[in-house]
Protein backbone atom coordinates (compact mmCIF):
# COMPACT_ATOMS: atom_id res chain seq x y z
CA MET A 1 4.73 22.95 -110.74
CA ASN A 2 7.65 23.93 -112.95
CA GLY A 3 5.44 25.72 -115.48
CA ILE A 4 4.20 28.19 -112.85
CA VAL A 5 7.66 29.61 -112.13
CA LYS A 6 9.54 31.34 -114.94
CA GLU A 7 13.12 30.25 -115.55
CA THR A 8 14.63 33.53 -114.29
CA LEU A 9 12.60 33.31 -111.09
CA GLN A 10 13.65 29.66 -110.70
CA THR A 11 17.29 30.78 -110.85
CA VAL A 12 16.66 33.38 -108.15
CA LEU A 13 14.89 30.80 -105.98
CA LEU A 14 17.77 28.34 -106.34
CA GLU A 15 20.29 31.00 -105.37
CA ILE A 16 18.32 32.37 -102.39
CA GLY A 17 17.71 28.79 -101.25
CA ASP A 18 21.45 28.09 -101.41
CA PHE A 19 22.21 31.32 -99.56
CA LEU A 20 19.70 30.67 -96.77
CA GLN A 21 20.91 27.08 -96.38
CA SER A 22 24.53 28.25 -96.22
CA GLN A 23 23.47 30.58 -93.40
CA GLU A 24 21.63 27.69 -91.69
CA LEU A 25 18.40 29.66 -91.54
CA PRO A 26 15.07 27.81 -91.47
CA HIS A 27 12.78 29.35 -94.08
CA ALA A 28 9.64 28.92 -96.17
CA LEU A 29 8.35 30.41 -99.40
CA ILE A 30 5.29 32.62 -98.78
CA GLY A 31 3.54 35.40 -100.70
CA GLY A 32 2.19 35.42 -104.24
CA LEU A 33 4.45 32.71 -105.59
CA ALA A 34 3.51 30.32 -102.78
CA ALA A 35 -0.18 31.18 -103.35
CA SER A 36 0.27 30.29 -107.02
CA LEU A 37 1.80 26.96 -106.09
CA ARG A 38 -1.00 26.18 -103.60
CA GLY A 39 -3.90 27.72 -105.54
CA ARG A 40 -4.58 29.46 -108.82
CA THR A 41 -1.63 30.65 -110.86
CA ARG A 42 -1.06 34.40 -110.89
CA VAL A 43 1.66 36.63 -112.22
CA THR A 44 4.30 37.66 -109.72
CA GLU A 45 7.76 39.05 -110.32
CA ASP A 46 9.22 38.70 -106.85
CA ALA A 47 9.76 36.11 -104.14
CA ASP A 48 8.82 36.30 -100.49
CA PHE A 49 10.20 34.11 -97.74
CA VAL A 50 9.80 33.98 -94.00
CA VAL A 51 13.11 33.29 -92.26
CA VAL A 52 13.30 32.23 -88.63
CA CYS A 53 15.88 34.50 -87.05
CA SER A 54 16.24 37.46 -84.72
CA VAL A 55 16.48 41.07 -85.84
CA ASP A 56 20.16 41.05 -84.88
CA ARG A 57 20.75 37.96 -87.02
CA ALA A 58 18.97 39.66 -89.94
CA LEU A 59 21.26 42.67 -89.54
CA GLU A 60 24.26 40.32 -89.60
CA LEU A 61 22.83 38.67 -92.70
CA ALA A 62 22.64 42.06 -94.42
CA GLU A 63 26.37 42.42 -93.81
CA THR A 64 27.24 39.07 -95.46
CA LEU A 65 26.12 39.89 -98.99
CA ASP A 66 29.51 40.69 -100.53
CA GLY A 67 30.19 38.07 -103.19
CA GLN A 68 26.62 36.77 -102.98
CA PRO A 69 24.11 36.90 -105.87
CA PHE A 70 21.99 39.32 -103.78
CA GLU A 71 22.43 42.89 -102.65
CA LEU A 72 20.45 45.14 -100.35
CA LEU A 73 17.46 46.68 -102.12
CA PHE A 74 18.61 50.04 -100.75
CA PRO A 75 21.56 51.03 -98.58
CA GLU A 76 19.72 52.25 -95.45
CA VAL A 77 18.10 48.92 -94.63
CA GLU A 78 18.70 48.79 -90.87
CA GLU A 79 15.62 50.86 -90.04
CA VAL A 80 13.42 48.69 -92.29
CA ILE A 81 14.67 45.55 -90.57
CA ARG A 82 14.10 47.01 -87.11
CA ARG A 83 10.66 48.55 -87.82
CA SER A 84 9.11 46.30 -90.46
CA PHE A 85 10.93 43.02 -89.81
CA ILE A 86 11.76 42.72 -93.53
CA LEU A 87 15.16 42.31 -95.18
CA PRO A 88 14.58 43.47 -98.78
CA LEU A 89 17.08 42.12 -101.30
CA ARG A 90 17.60 42.37 -105.05
CA HIS A 91 19.11 39.67 -107.22
CA ARG A 92 22.18 41.29 -108.79
CA GLU A 93 21.83 39.63 -112.22
CA THR A 94 18.07 39.83 -112.81
CA GLY A 95 16.95 42.68 -110.55
CA ILE A 96 14.25 40.44 -109.06
CA VAL A 97 13.29 41.49 -105.53
CA VAL A 98 13.37 38.94 -102.71
CA ASP A 99 11.80 39.98 -99.42
CA LEU A 100 12.88 38.06 -96.35
CA ALA A 101 10.32 38.46 -93.58
CA ILE A 102 12.07 38.14 -90.24
CA GLY A 103 10.10 35.41 -88.52
CA VAL A 104 10.06 36.52 -84.91
CA SER A 105 6.38 35.80 -84.21
CA GLY A 106 4.95 32.46 -83.20
CA LEU A 107 2.81 32.34 -86.35
CA GLU A 108 5.79 32.86 -88.65
CA GLN A 109 7.82 30.23 -86.84
CA GLN A 110 4.86 27.86 -87.11
CA VAL A 111 4.57 28.59 -90.84
CA VAL A 112 8.20 27.56 -91.33
CA SER A 113 7.89 24.44 -89.18
CA ARG A 114 4.73 23.31 -91.05
CA ALA A 115 6.01 24.11 -94.56
CA THR A 116 6.03 21.22 -96.99
CA PRO A 117 8.38 20.66 -99.93
CA VAL A 118 7.34 21.62 -103.46
CA THR A 119 9.53 20.89 -106.47
CA ILE A 120 10.50 23.95 -108.48
CA GLY A 121 12.92 23.29 -111.31
CA ASN A 122 15.03 20.41 -110.10
CA ARG A 123 14.93 21.32 -106.42
CA GLN A 124 12.54 21.10 -103.51
CA PHE A 125 11.62 24.21 -101.56
CA PRO A 126 9.80 24.51 -98.25
CA VAL A 127 6.50 26.23 -99.08
CA ALA A 128 3.95 27.45 -96.55
CA THR A 129 0.91 25.19 -96.35
CA ALA A 130 -2.35 26.26 -97.94
CA GLU A 131 -3.85 26.78 -94.48
CA ASP A 132 -1.00 28.99 -93.29
CA LEU A 133 -1.07 31.02 -96.50
CA ILE A 134 -4.79 31.61 -96.04
CA LEU A 135 -4.22 32.86 -92.51
CA MET A 136 -1.27 35.08 -93.47
CA LYS A 137 -3.12 36.56 -96.42
CA MET A 138 -6.21 37.22 -94.33
CA ILE A 139 -4.05 39.20 -91.92
CA ALA A 140 -2.48 41.20 -94.78
CA GLY A 141 -5.97 41.88 -96.15
CA ARG A 142 -5.10 43.59 -99.44
CA PRO A 143 -7.31 42.97 -102.50
CA GLN A 144 -4.68 40.68 -104.07
CA ASP A 145 -4.46 38.72 -100.82
CA ASP A 146 -8.23 38.18 -100.91
CA GLN A 147 -7.96 36.91 -104.48
CA ASP A 148 -5.11 34.59 -103.48
CA VAL A 149 -7.22 33.18 -100.64
CA ARG A 150 -10.11 32.50 -103.01
CA GLY A 151 -7.70 30.82 -105.44
CA ILE A 152 -6.25 28.58 -102.75
CA VAL A 153 -9.70 27.63 -101.47
CA SER A 154 -11.01 26.90 -104.97
CA ILE A 155 -8.20 24.43 -105.60
CA SER A 156 -7.85 22.91 -102.12
CA GLN A 157 -11.31 23.26 -100.53
CA ASP A 158 -11.80 19.56 -99.83
CA SER A 159 -8.28 18.92 -98.52
CA LEU A 160 -7.90 21.96 -96.26
CA ASP A 161 -7.61 21.40 -92.52
CA TRP A 162 -10.46 23.72 -91.57
CA ASP A 163 -10.18 22.83 -87.87
CA TYR A 164 -6.57 24.07 -87.88
CA CYS A 165 -7.60 27.27 -89.69
CA LEU A 166 -10.39 27.96 -87.18
CA ARG A 167 -8.19 27.19 -84.17
CA VAL A 168 -5.36 29.47 -85.30
CA ALA A 169 -7.78 32.18 -86.48
CA GLU A 170 -9.34 32.20 -83.03
CA GLN A 171 -5.90 32.62 -81.46
CA LEU A 172 -4.94 35.41 -83.87
CA GLU A 173 -8.22 37.32 -83.82
CA GLN A 174 -7.54 39.37 -80.73
CA ALA A 175 -3.92 40.07 -81.65
CA VAL A 176 -4.67 41.38 -85.14
CA GLY A 177 -8.12 42.88 -84.57
CA ILE A 178 -9.73 41.10 -87.53
CA ASP A 179 -12.80 38.85 -87.35
CA MET A 180 -10.91 35.92 -88.82
CA VAL A 181 -13.06 33.09 -87.46
CA GLU A 182 -16.17 34.28 -89.26
CA LYS A 183 -14.19 34.76 -92.47
CA ILE A 184 -12.83 31.21 -92.19
CA ARG A 185 -16.34 29.84 -91.63
CA ARG A 186 -17.61 31.66 -94.73
CA LEU A 187 -14.70 30.31 -96.80
CA LYS A 188 -15.38 26.79 -95.57
CA ASP A 189 -19.03 27.05 -96.61
CA THR A 190 -18.31 28.34 -100.14
């Protein structure tokens, strides 16, 4: 797994991992980097995590960055946290962006609780499972997300828990307004 993550990105991951642990915040790696670790490798220059905390805790977190290797991506971040449930950070030394999704929904909390460790560099990181990444990326629905889903399925097809995917897709379908169950069935049959 080490070859997938460039050395500068490994440094950022180590430092954000240390920071989140020091804040005692449950978290999991998601996004393009996690999709690369669970599926086909793709180029990504940022890191995305889901962090289980409240909006108020995320606002407090934004205030604790003095002396940390991270800074706010832009100064007026409170509105982004409140409206988009994202705390966008930038690594001071490398400029690499780290987005912390504020995990207030049941799905996000489930993603963190189900995450499994993956070794990156000399450290283990909680990474969203292949199934949870598929579901999250189906909800996001951008072209790159669709490619990531195909990459994950191509690598993990035989080991995926399709029953879990179908069960959660059925629960999410009404909330997100996407026909996820049929999409999962088509993926399973590919």
